[in-house]
Amino acid sequence: MTLRKKKKKKGLSQAELGNRVGLKQTTISQYESGSRTPTLAMAKKLSDVLEISLDDFFRSILFQNEI
């Protein structure tokens, strides 16, 4: 499952997810498109908000970059 789908499953918009972790909506968009990769610390924050493991988070980023 991609980062975008995980975010939507939690009922969050890009802006809402960004607000919860201290990022702009545009940065979340870049993560979703694969044009930018989060740091390990930010990936941990995002995975906590999305209530997924860090492994699942990175799998979602790898998977979406292959689409």
N, C-alpha and C. Protein backbone atom coordinates (compact mmCIF):
# COMPACT_ATOMS: atom_id res chain seq x y z
N MET A 1 0.86 -1.18 0.00
CA MET A 1 0.00 0.00 0.00
C MET A 1 0.90 1.24 0.00
N THR A 2 0.56 2.21 -0.81
CA THR A 2 1.37 3.41 -0.93
C THR A 2 1.14 4.36 0.25
N LEU A 3 2.05 5.30 0.39
CA LEU A 3 1.92 6.32 1.43
C LEU A 3 0.60 7.07 1.28
N ARG A 4 0.24 7.40 0.06
CA ARG A 4 -1.01 8.12 -0.20
C ARG A 4 -2.21 7.32 0.31
N LYS A 5 -2.23 6.03 0.04
CA LYS A 5 -3.34 5.19 0.48
C LYS A 5 -3.38 5.04 2.00
N LYS A 6 -2.21 4.94 2.62
CA LYS A 6 -2.15 4.84 4.07
C LYS A 6 -2.68 6.12 4.72
N LYS A 7 -2.32 7.26 4.12
CA LYS A 7 -2.79 8.56 4.62
C LYS A 7 -4.30 8.66 4.48
N LYS A 8 -4.81 8.29 3.35
CA LYS A 8 -6.26 8.36 3.12
C LYS A 8 -7.01 7.40 4.03
N LYS A 9 -6.43 6.23 4.27
CA LYS A 9 -7.06 5.24 5.15
C LYS A 9 -7.24 5.82 6.56
N LYS A 10 -6.31 6.68 6.97
CA LYS A 10 -6.42 7.34 8.27
C LYS A 10 -7.33 8.57 8.22
N GLY A 11 -7.82 8.90 7.02
CA GLY A 11 -8.71 10.05 6.87
C GLY A 11 -8.01 11.39 6.94
N LEU A 12 -6.75 11.41 6.54
CA LEU A 12 -5.96 12.64 6.62
C LEU A 12 -5.69 13.21 5.23
N SER A 13 -5.69 14.51 5.15
CA SER A 13 -5.25 15.18 3.93
C SER A 13 -3.73 15.38 4.02
N GLN A 14 -3.12 15.81 2.94
CA GLN A 14 -1.69 16.12 2.99
C GLN A 14 -1.41 17.21 4.02
N ALA A 15 -2.25 18.22 4.04
CA ALA A 15 -2.06 19.34 4.98
C ALA A 15 -2.20 18.87 6.42
N GLU A 16 -3.19 18.02 6.69
CA GLU A 16 -3.39 17.54 8.06
C GLU A 16 -2.21 16.68 8.53
N LEU A 17 -1.74 15.80 7.66
CA LEU A 17 -0.59 14.98 8.00
C LEU A 17 0.63 15.86 8.24
N GLY A 18 0.83 16.82 7.36
CA GLY A 18 1.95 17.74 7.52
C GLY A 18 1.89 18.50 8.83
N ASN A 19 0.70 18.98 9.19
CA ASN A 19 0.54 19.71 10.45
C ASN A 19 0.89 18.85 11.65
N ARG A 20 0.55 17.59 11.59
CA ARG A 20 0.80 16.68 12.73
C ARG A 20 2.28 16.40 12.94
N VAL A 21 3.07 16.52 11.86
CA VAL A 21 4.50 16.22 11.98
C VAL A 21 5.38 17.46 11.78
N GLY A 22 4.77 18.61 11.56
CA GLY A 22 5.53 19.84 11.42
C GLY A 22 6.10 20.08 10.04
N LEU A 23 5.40 19.61 9.01
CA LEU A 23 5.83 19.82 7.63
C LEU A 23 4.76 20.56 6.84
N LYS A 24 5.17 21.11 5.70
CA LYS A 24 4.22 21.75 4.80
C LYS A 24 3.55 20.68 3.94
N GLN A 25 2.38 21.02 3.44
CA GLN A 25 1.64 20.12 2.56
C GLN A 25 2.47 19.74 1.34
N THR A 26 3.25 20.69 0.83
CA THR A 26 4.04 20.43 -0.37
C THR A 26 5.10 19.35 -0.12
N THR A 27 5.63 19.31 1.08
CA THR A 27 6.63 18.28 1.40
C THR A 27 5.98 16.90 1.43
N ILE A 28 4.78 16.81 2.01
CA ILE A 28 4.05 15.53 2.01
C ILE A 28 3.78 15.11 0.58
N SER A 29 3.39 16.05 -0.27
CA SER A 29 3.15 15.76 -1.68
C SER A 29 4.40 15.21 -2.35
N GLN A 30 5.55 15.79 -2.04
CA GLN A 30 6.81 15.32 -2.62
C GLN A 30 7.14 13.90 -2.13
N TYR A 31 6.85 13.60 -0.87
CA TYR A 31 7.05 12.24 -0.37
C TYR A 31 6.15 11.27 -1.12
N GLU A 32 4.92 11.66 -1.34
CA GLU A 32 3.96 10.79 -2.02
C GLU A 32 4.35 10.55 -3.48
N SER A 33 4.91 11.56 -4.13
CA SER A 33 5.28 11.42 -5.54
C SER A 33 6.63 10.74 -5.72
N GLY A 34 7.38 10.63 -4.64
CA GLY A 34 8.70 10.01 -4.73
C GLY A 34 9.81 10.95 -5.13
N SER A 35 9.50 12.24 -5.24
CA SER A 35 10.54 13.21 -5.62
C SER A 35 11.40 13.62 -4.42
N ARG A 36 11.00 13.21 -3.24
CA ARG A 36 11.74 13.53 -2.02
C ARG A 36 11.56 12.37 -1.05
N THR A 37 12.59 12.07 -0.27
CA THR A 37 12.54 10.99 0.72
C THR A 37 12.75 11.58 2.11
N PRO A 38 11.92 11.18 3.07
CA PRO A 38 12.07 11.73 4.42
C PRO A 38 13.32 11.20 5.12
N THR A 39 13.81 11.98 6.07
CA THR A 39 14.89 11.50 6.93
C THR A 39 14.34 10.37 7.80
N LEU A 40 15.21 9.65 8.43
CA LEU A 40 14.78 8.57 9.31
C LEU A 40 13.93 9.12 10.46
N ALA A 41 14.34 10.24 11.02
CA ALA A 41 13.57 10.85 12.12
C ALA A 41 12.17 11.25 11.66
N MET A 42 12.06 11.83 10.47
CA MET A 42 10.75 12.23 9.96
C MET A 42 9.93 11.00 9.59
N ALA A 43 10.56 9.99 9.05
CA ALA A 43 9.85 8.75 8.72
C ALA A 43 9.24 8.15 9.99
N LYS A 44 9.97 8.22 11.09
CA LYS A 44 9.45 7.70 12.37
C LYS A 44 8.22 8.51 12.80
N LYS A 45 8.28 9.83 12.70
CA LYS A 45 7.13 10.66 13.06
C LYS A 45 5.93 10.33 12.19
N LEU A 46 6.16 10.20 10.89
CA LEU A 46 5.07 9.90 9.97
C LEU A 46 4.48 8.52 10.25
N SER A 47 5.33 7.54 10.50
CA SER A 47 4.83 6.20 10.78
C SER A 47 4.04 6.17 12.08
N ASP A 48 4.46 6.96 13.06
CA ASP A 48 3.70 7.04 14.32
C ASP A 48 2.31 7.62 14.08
N VAL A 49 2.22 8.69 13.32
CA VAL A 49 0.92 9.31 13.02
C VAL A 49 0.03 8.36 12.23
N LEU A 50 0.63 7.64 11.29
CA LEU A 50 -0.14 6.73 10.45
C LEU A 50 -0.40 5.39 11.14
N GLU A 51 0.20 5.22 12.31
CA GLU A 51 0.06 3.99 13.11
C GLU A 51 0.47 2.75 12.32
N ILE A 52 1.65 2.85 11.73
CA ILE A 52 2.25 1.72 11.02
C ILE A 52 3.70 1.58 11.48
N SER A 53 4.28 0.43 11.23
CA SER A 53 5.68 0.23 11.61
C SER A 53 6.57 1.03 10.66
N LEU A 54 7.77 1.29 11.11
CA LEU A 54 8.74 1.99 10.27
C LEU A 54 9.05 1.15 9.03
N ASP A 55 9.11 -0.17 9.18
CA ASP A 55 9.31 -1.05 8.03
C ASP A 55 8.20 -0.88 7.00
N ASP A 56 6.96 -0.88 7.46
CA ASP A 56 5.83 -0.69 6.55
C ASP A 56 5.88 0.68 5.87
N PHE A 57 6.30 1.68 6.63
CA PHE A 57 6.41 3.03 6.05
C PHE A 57 7.39 3.03 4.88
N PHE A 58 8.58 2.45 5.10
CA PHE A 58 9.57 2.45 4.03
C PHE A 58 9.15 1.55 2.87
N ARG A 59 8.46 0.47 3.15
CA ARG A 59 7.92 -0.35 2.07
C ARG A 59 6.93 0.45 1.23
N SER A 60 6.11 1.28 1.89
CA SER A 60 5.13 2.08 1.15
C SER A 60 5.83 3.08 0.24
N ILE A 61 6.94 3.62 0.68
CA ILE A 61 7.69 4.57 -0.15
C ILE A 61 8.36 3.84 -1.31
N LEU A 62 8.95 2.69 -1.05
CA LEU A 62 9.58 1.93 -2.13
C LEU A 62 8.55 1.47 -3.15
N PHE A 63 7.39 1.01 -2.68
CA PHE A 63 6.33 0.54 -3.56
C PHE A 63 5.82 1.66 -4.45
N GLN A 64 5.59 2.84 -3.88
CA GLN A 64 5.02 3.92 -4.69
C GLN A 64 6.02 4.41 -5.73
N ASN A 65 7.32 4.27 -5.47
CA ASN A 65 8.30 4.71 -6.45
C ASN A 65 8.41 3.74 -7.62
N GLU A 66 7.87 2.54 -7.48
CA GLU A 66 7.89 1.56 -8.56
C GLU A 66 6.65 1.64 -9.44
N ILE A 67 5.66 2.41 -9.03
CA ILE A 67 4.40 2.52 -9.80
C ILE A 67 4.60 3.41 -11.01
